[in-house]
Amino acid sequence: MKFTTKTRYGLRTMIELAMPDRDKGILQKDISKNQNISMKYLDHIVAHLKAAGLIINVAGKKSGYRLAKNADRISVYDIYRAFDHDLSIIDCLSEEGLCRRDKKCAAREFWDKLNKRIINYMDSVMLSDLSDKQHQLGVIDTDCMYYI
């Protein structure tokens, strides 16, 4: 199982927005610089987060962004869902996944329980938990940047 770059960068973007003193907003160019994400790629991430109702513009276009609700009310799973429809560690667990063996498959039952545990864990970790941890760790300095 592997999470997409959009999901990983979306989580980093949300952590950036949840940091202390960000309630007035932060410009996209500053998020890009702080998180080392190209502006073009960040445009896609921001669009998903806005569509999911997780972030809002502070004062219209070309202003900053801020969280749409408190960080302690946004789970990691909420952020994941901004980029992916559902979490399915194997194809037969997805909404589209059809399997003739689903009612008679011990392996599917195992994968389903594991899938639910992952979702429950992601749903139990709040953005505030991660932003608090990031605040303790300090500023991220990474050389990895994804371009499109």
C-alpha atoms as a PDB file:
ATOM      1  CA  MET A   1       0.000   0.000   0.000  1.00  0.00           C
ATOM      2  CA  LYS A   2       1.340   3.397  -0.934  1.00  0.00           C
ATOM      3  CA  PHE A   3      -0.103   6.863  -0.420  1.00  0.00           C
ATOM      4  CA  THR A   4      -0.041   9.300  -3.329  1.00  0.00           C
ATOM      5  CA  THR A   5       2.216  12.327  -3.406  1.00  0.00           C
ATOM      6  CA  LYS A   6      -0.866  14.563  -3.373  1.00  0.00           C
ATOM      7  CA  THR A   7      -2.013  12.951  -0.131  1.00  0.00           C
ATOM      8  CA  ARG A   8       1.418  13.217   1.488  1.00  0.00           C
ATOM      9  CA  TYR A   9       1.907  16.833   0.383  1.00  0.00           C
ATOM     10  CA  GLY A  10      -1.700  17.616   1.309  1.00  0.00           C
ATOM     11  CA  LEU A  11      -1.011  16.461   4.845  1.00  0.00           C
ATOM     12  CA  ARG A  12       2.146  18.605   4.988  1.00  0.00           C
ATOM     13  CA  THR A  13       0.178  21.587   3.677  1.00  0.00           C
ATOM     14  CA  MET A  14      -2.485  21.098   6.315  1.00  0.00           C
ATOM     15  CA  ILE A  15       0.139  20.821   9.062  1.00  0.00           C
ATOM     16  CA  GLU A  16       1.629  24.098   7.797  1.00  0.00           C
ATOM     17  CA  LEU A  17      -1.799  25.757   8.002  1.00  0.00           C
ATOM     18  CA  ALA A  18      -2.378  24.385  11.504  1.00  0.00           C
ATOM     19  CA  MET A  19       0.837  25.777  12.957  1.00  0.00           C
ATOM     20  CA  PRO A  20       0.577  28.461  15.672  1.00  0.00           C
ATOM     21  CA  ASP A  21      -0.193  31.996  14.440  1.00  0.00           C
ATOM     22  CA  ARG A  22      -1.727  30.730  11.177  1.00  0.00           C
ATOM     23  CA  ASP A  23      -5.315  31.629  12.074  1.00  0.00           C
ATOM     24  CA  LYS A  24      -4.926  34.809   9.991  1.00  0.00           C
ATOM     25  CA  GLY A  25      -3.808  32.745   7.037  1.00  0.00           C
ATOM     26  CA  ILE A  26      -0.667  32.052   5.068  1.00  0.00           C
ATOM     27  CA  LEU A  27       0.097  32.788   1.438  1.00  0.00           C
ATOM     28  CA  GLN A  28       0.407  29.890  -0.981  1.00  0.00           C
ATOM     29  CA  LYS A  29       3.917  31.029  -1.956  1.00  0.00           C
ATOM     30  CA  ASP A  30       4.952  30.760   1.692  1.00  0.00           C
ATOM     31  CA  ILE A  31       3.490  27.263   1.975  1.00  0.00           C
ATOM     32  CA  SER A  32       5.378  26.360  -1.193  1.00  0.00           C
ATOM     33  CA  LYS A  33       8.633  27.713   0.197  1.00  0.00           C
ATOM     34  CA  ASN A  34       8.218  26.291   3.712  1.00  0.00           C
ATOM     35  CA  GLN A  35       7.178  22.844   2.518  1.00  0.00           C
ATOM     36  CA  ASN A  36       9.391  22.767  -0.586  1.00  0.00           C
ATOM     37  CA  ILE A  37       6.439  22.033  -2.888  1.00  0.00           C
ATOM     38  CA  SER A  38       6.349  23.629  -6.325  1.00  0.00           C
ATOM     39  CA  MET A  39       3.666  26.303  -6.765  1.00  0.00           C
ATOM     40  CA  LYS A  40       2.195  24.468  -9.743  1.00  0.00           C
ATOM     41  CA  TYR A  41       1.810  21.230  -7.792  1.00  0.00           C
ATOM     42  CA  LEU A  42       0.565  23.094  -4.731  1.00  0.00           C
ATOM     43  CA  ASP A  43      -2.218  24.584  -6.900  1.00  0.00           C
ATOM     44  CA  HIS A  44      -3.618  21.046  -7.337  1.00  0.00           C
ATOM     45  CA  ILE A  45      -3.296  20.248  -3.648  1.00  0.00           C
ATOM     46  CA  VAL A  46      -4.994  23.476  -2.575  1.00  0.00           C
ATOM     47  CA  ALA A  47      -7.840  22.876  -5.040  1.00  0.00           C
ATOM     48  CA  HIS A  48      -8.535  19.455  -3.495  1.00  0.00           C
ATOM     49  CA  LEU A  49      -8.358  20.789   0.059  1.00  0.00           C
ATOM     50  CA  LYS A  50     -10.721  23.662  -0.785  1.00  0.00           C
ATOM     51  CA  ALA A  51     -13.171  21.337  -2.559  1.00  0.00           C
ATOM     52  CA  ALA A  52     -13.188  19.094   0.512  1.00  0.00           C
ATOM     53  CA  GLY A  53     -14.039  22.088   2.695  1.00  0.00           C
ATOM     54  CA  LEU A  54     -10.842  21.790   4.731  1.00  0.00           C
ATOM     55  CA  ILE A  55      -9.349  25.188   3.864  1.00  0.00           C
ATOM     56  CA  ILE A  56     -10.698  28.570   2.848  1.00  0.00           C
ATOM     57  CA  ASN A  57      -9.347  31.819   1.438  1.00  0.00           C
ATOM     58  CA  VAL A  58      -8.758  34.451   4.075  1.00  0.00           C
ATOM     59  CA  ALA A  59     -10.005  37.383   2.001  1.00  0.00           C
ATOM     60  CA  GLY A  60     -10.655  36.362  -1.574  1.00  0.00           C
ATOM     61  CA  LYS A  61      -8.280  35.516  -4.390  1.00  0.00           C
ATOM     62  CA  LYS A  62      -4.556  36.147  -4.007  1.00  0.00           C
ATOM     63  CA  SER A  63      -4.956  36.257  -0.253  1.00  0.00           C
ATOM     64  CA  GLY A  64      -3.849  33.575   2.124  1.00  0.00           C
ATOM     65  CA  TYR A  65      -5.406  30.319   3.202  1.00  0.00           C
ATOM     66  CA  ARG A  66      -6.457  29.108   6.582  1.00  0.00           C
ATOM     67  CA  LEU A  67      -8.184  26.061   7.995  1.00  0.00           C
ATOM     68  CA  ALA A  68     -11.946  25.977   7.545  1.00  0.00           C
ATOM     69  CA  LYS A  69     -12.354  24.547  11.066  1.00  0.00           C
ATOM     70  CA  ASN A  70     -10.204  23.922  14.110  1.00  0.00           C
ATOM     71  CA  ALA A  71      -7.291  21.524  13.674  1.00  0.00           C
ATOM     72  CA  ASP A  72      -8.629  19.353  16.494  1.00  0.00           C
ATOM     73  CA  ARG A  73     -11.719  18.660  14.352  1.00  0.00           C
ATOM     74  CA  ILE A  74      -9.804  17.551  11.227  1.00  0.00           C
ATOM     75  CA  SER A  75      -8.513  13.994  11.134  1.00  0.00           C
ATOM     76  CA  VAL A  76      -5.764  12.588   8.954  1.00  0.00           C
ATOM     77  CA  TYR A  77      -8.480  10.504   7.292  1.00  0.00           C
ATOM     78  CA  ASP A  78     -10.408  13.691   6.414  1.00  0.00           C
ATOM     79  CA  ILE A  79      -7.302  14.944   4.655  1.00  0.00           C
ATOM     80  CA  TYR A  80      -6.786  11.604   2.907  1.00  0.00           C
ATOM     81  CA  ARG A  81     -10.385  11.719   1.660  1.00  0.00           C
ATOM     82  CA  ALA A  82      -9.727  15.092   0.026  1.00  0.00           C
ATOM     83  CA  PHE A  83      -7.519  13.251  -2.467  1.00  0.00           C
ATOM     84  CA  ASP A  84      -8.852   9.684  -2.619  1.00  0.00           C
ATOM     85  CA  HIS A  85     -12.399   8.369  -2.624  1.00  0.00           C
ATOM     86  CA  ASP A  86     -11.895   5.508  -0.209  1.00  0.00           C
ATOM     87  CA  LEU A  87      -9.087   3.581   1.406  1.00  0.00           C
ATOM     88  CA  SER A  88      -8.796   0.056   0.089  1.00  0.00           C
ATOM     89  CA  ILE A  89      -5.595  -1.802   0.709  1.00  0.00           C
ATOM     90  CA  ILE A  90      -6.687  -4.384  -1.858  1.00  0.00           C
ATOM     91  CA  ASP A  91      -8.942  -4.015  -4.884  1.00  0.00           C
ATOM     92  CA  CYS A  92     -11.762  -6.264  -3.704  1.00  0.00           C
ATOM     93  CA  LEU A  93     -12.399  -3.958  -0.724  1.00  0.00           C
ATOM     94  CA  SER A  94     -13.089  -0.888  -2.846  1.00  0.00           C
ATOM     95  CA  GLU A  95     -16.621   0.138  -3.695  1.00  0.00           C
ATOM     96  CA  GLU A  96     -16.028  -0.952  -7.280  1.00  0.00           C
ATOM     97  CA  GLY A  97     -14.290  -4.175  -6.269  1.00  0.00           C
ATOM     98  CA  LEU A  98     -16.466  -7.118  -7.044  1.00  0.00           C
ATOM     99  CA  CYS A  99     -15.404 -10.606  -6.132  1.00  0.00           C
ATOM    100  CA  ARG A 100     -17.380 -13.796  -6.507  1.00  0.00           C
ATOM    101  CA  ARG A 101     -15.592 -15.141  -3.428  1.00  0.00           C
ATOM    102  CA  ASP A 102     -16.282 -12.249  -1.056  1.00  0.00           C
ATOM    103  CA  LYS A 103     -18.671 -14.207   1.194  1.00  0.00           C
ATOM    104  CA  LYS A 104     -16.417 -17.285   1.280  1.00  0.00           C
ATOM    105  CA  CYS A 105     -12.940 -15.805   1.516  1.00  0.00           C
ATOM    106  CA  ALA A 106     -10.992 -15.853   4.788  1.00  0.00           C
ATOM    107  CA  ALA A 107      -8.243 -13.743   3.240  1.00  0.00           C
ATOM    108  CA  ARG A 108     -10.716 -11.007   2.312  1.00  0.00           C
ATOM    109  CA  GLU A 109     -11.997 -10.946   5.878  1.00  0.00           C
ATOM    110  CA  PHE A 110      -8.413 -10.469   7.120  1.00  0.00           C
ATOM    111  CA  TRP A 111      -7.747  -7.637   4.637  1.00  0.00           C
ATOM    112  CA  ASP A 112     -11.057  -5.995   5.500  1.00  0.00           C
ATOM    113  CA  LYS A 113     -10.269  -5.965   9.238  1.00  0.00           C
ATOM    114  CA  LEU A 114      -6.779  -4.582   8.566  1.00  0.00           C
ATOM    115  CA  ASN A 115      -8.238  -1.936   6.252  1.00  0.00           C
ATOM    116  CA  LYS A 116     -10.710  -0.871   8.950  1.00  0.00           C
ATOM    117  CA  ARG A 117      -7.924  -0.619  11.542  1.00  0.00           C
ATOM    118  CA  ILE A 118      -5.924   1.653   9.266  1.00  0.00           C
ATOM    119  CA  ILE A 119      -8.967   3.857   8.650  1.00  0.00           C
ATOM    120  CA  ASN A 120      -9.777   3.974  12.377  1.00  0.00           C
ATOM    121  CA  TYR A 121      -6.200   4.953  13.203  1.00  0.00           C
ATOM    122  CA  MET A 122      -6.155   7.675  10.533  1.00  0.00           C
ATOM    123  CA  ASP A 123      -9.508   8.916  11.832  1.00  0.00           C
ATOM    124  CA  SER A 124      -8.202   9.015  15.424  1.00  0.00           C
ATOM    125  CA  VAL A 125      -5.165  11.189  14.658  1.00  0.00           C
ATOM    126  CA  MET A 126      -6.125  14.845  14.524  1.00  0.00           C
ATOM    127  CA  LEU A 127      -4.339  17.544  12.573  1.00  0.00           C
ATOM    128  CA  SER A 128      -3.711  19.331  15.871  1.00  0.00           C
ATOM    129  CA  ASP A 129      -1.711  16.292  17.074  1.00  0.00           C
ATOM    130  CA  LEU A 130       0.576  16.553  14.054  1.00  0.00           C
ATOM    131  CA  SER A 131       0.914  20.337  14.140  1.00  0.00           C
ATOM    132  CA  ASP A 132       1.808  20.169  17.840  1.00  0.00           C
ATOM    133  CA  LYS A 133       4.450  17.560  17.069  1.00  0.00           C
ATOM    134  CA  GLN A 134       5.769  19.640  14.146  1.00  0.00           C
ATOM    135  CA  HIS A 135       5.935  22.701  16.388  1.00  0.00           C
ATOM    136  CA  GLN A 136       8.050  20.688  18.856  1.00  0.00           C
ATOM    137  CA  LEU A 137      10.331  19.432  16.083  1.00  0.00           C
ATOM    138  CA  GLY A 138      10.783  22.832  14.465  1.00  0.00           C
ATOM    139  CA  VAL A 139      10.962  23.753  10.784  1.00  0.00           C
ATOM    140  CA  ILE A 140      11.132  21.051   8.114  1.00  0.00           C
ATOM    141  CA  ASP A 141      14.101  21.418   5.774  1.00  0.00           C
ATOM    142  CA  THR A 142      13.862  18.941   2.930  1.00  0.00           C
ATOM    143  CA  ASP A 143      15.469  18.768  -0.458  1.00  0.00           C
ATOM    144  CA  CYS A 144      12.659  16.705  -1.993  1.00  0.00           C
ATOM    145  CA  MET A 145      10.402  18.609  -4.363  1.00  0.00           C
ATOM    146  CA  TYR A 146       7.833  17.162  -6.725  1.00  0.00           C
ATOM    147  CA  TYR A 147       7.325  18.995 -10.015  1.00  0.00           C
ATOM    148  CA  ILE A 148       4.643  18.609 -12.655  1.00  0.00           C
END
